[in-house]
């Protein structure tokens, strides 16, 4: 069982930056595909970014391309999402997700599905 804990959310003005972090425990982190999702009020949860177990492959939703960067540190069992040039429409609860079964070769796209989820961290971007 994988336990995921997000941190780094908060209130930021439009144009600002935030760095979200997700700490994982349990399982073999270095073999998990990791992803970030978000859910805004009244909307369904949506994919934001994904990264392969090695970090060699990343994929972003169009909403974050050029502004968000996903990275991982397998030695520290963490995955991060650097968010720059934030917009009010980025306001949401951001969730970290993990998936097993893609080592050594991926079997599913980085967009999902995922097996394990964190509790989420709130990001609010003011205009």
Foldseek 3Di string as FASTA:
>chain_A
DKAKAKDWADEAAAQAKIKMKIAIDDDQLLQKKKFKWWDDPPGDIFGAKIAGSPRPDMDGDPVQPPFWDWGDDSVRRMIMIIGGRDDQVVWTWMKMFIAHDCPPHHDDDRRDDGDDIYPTDTHGYHD
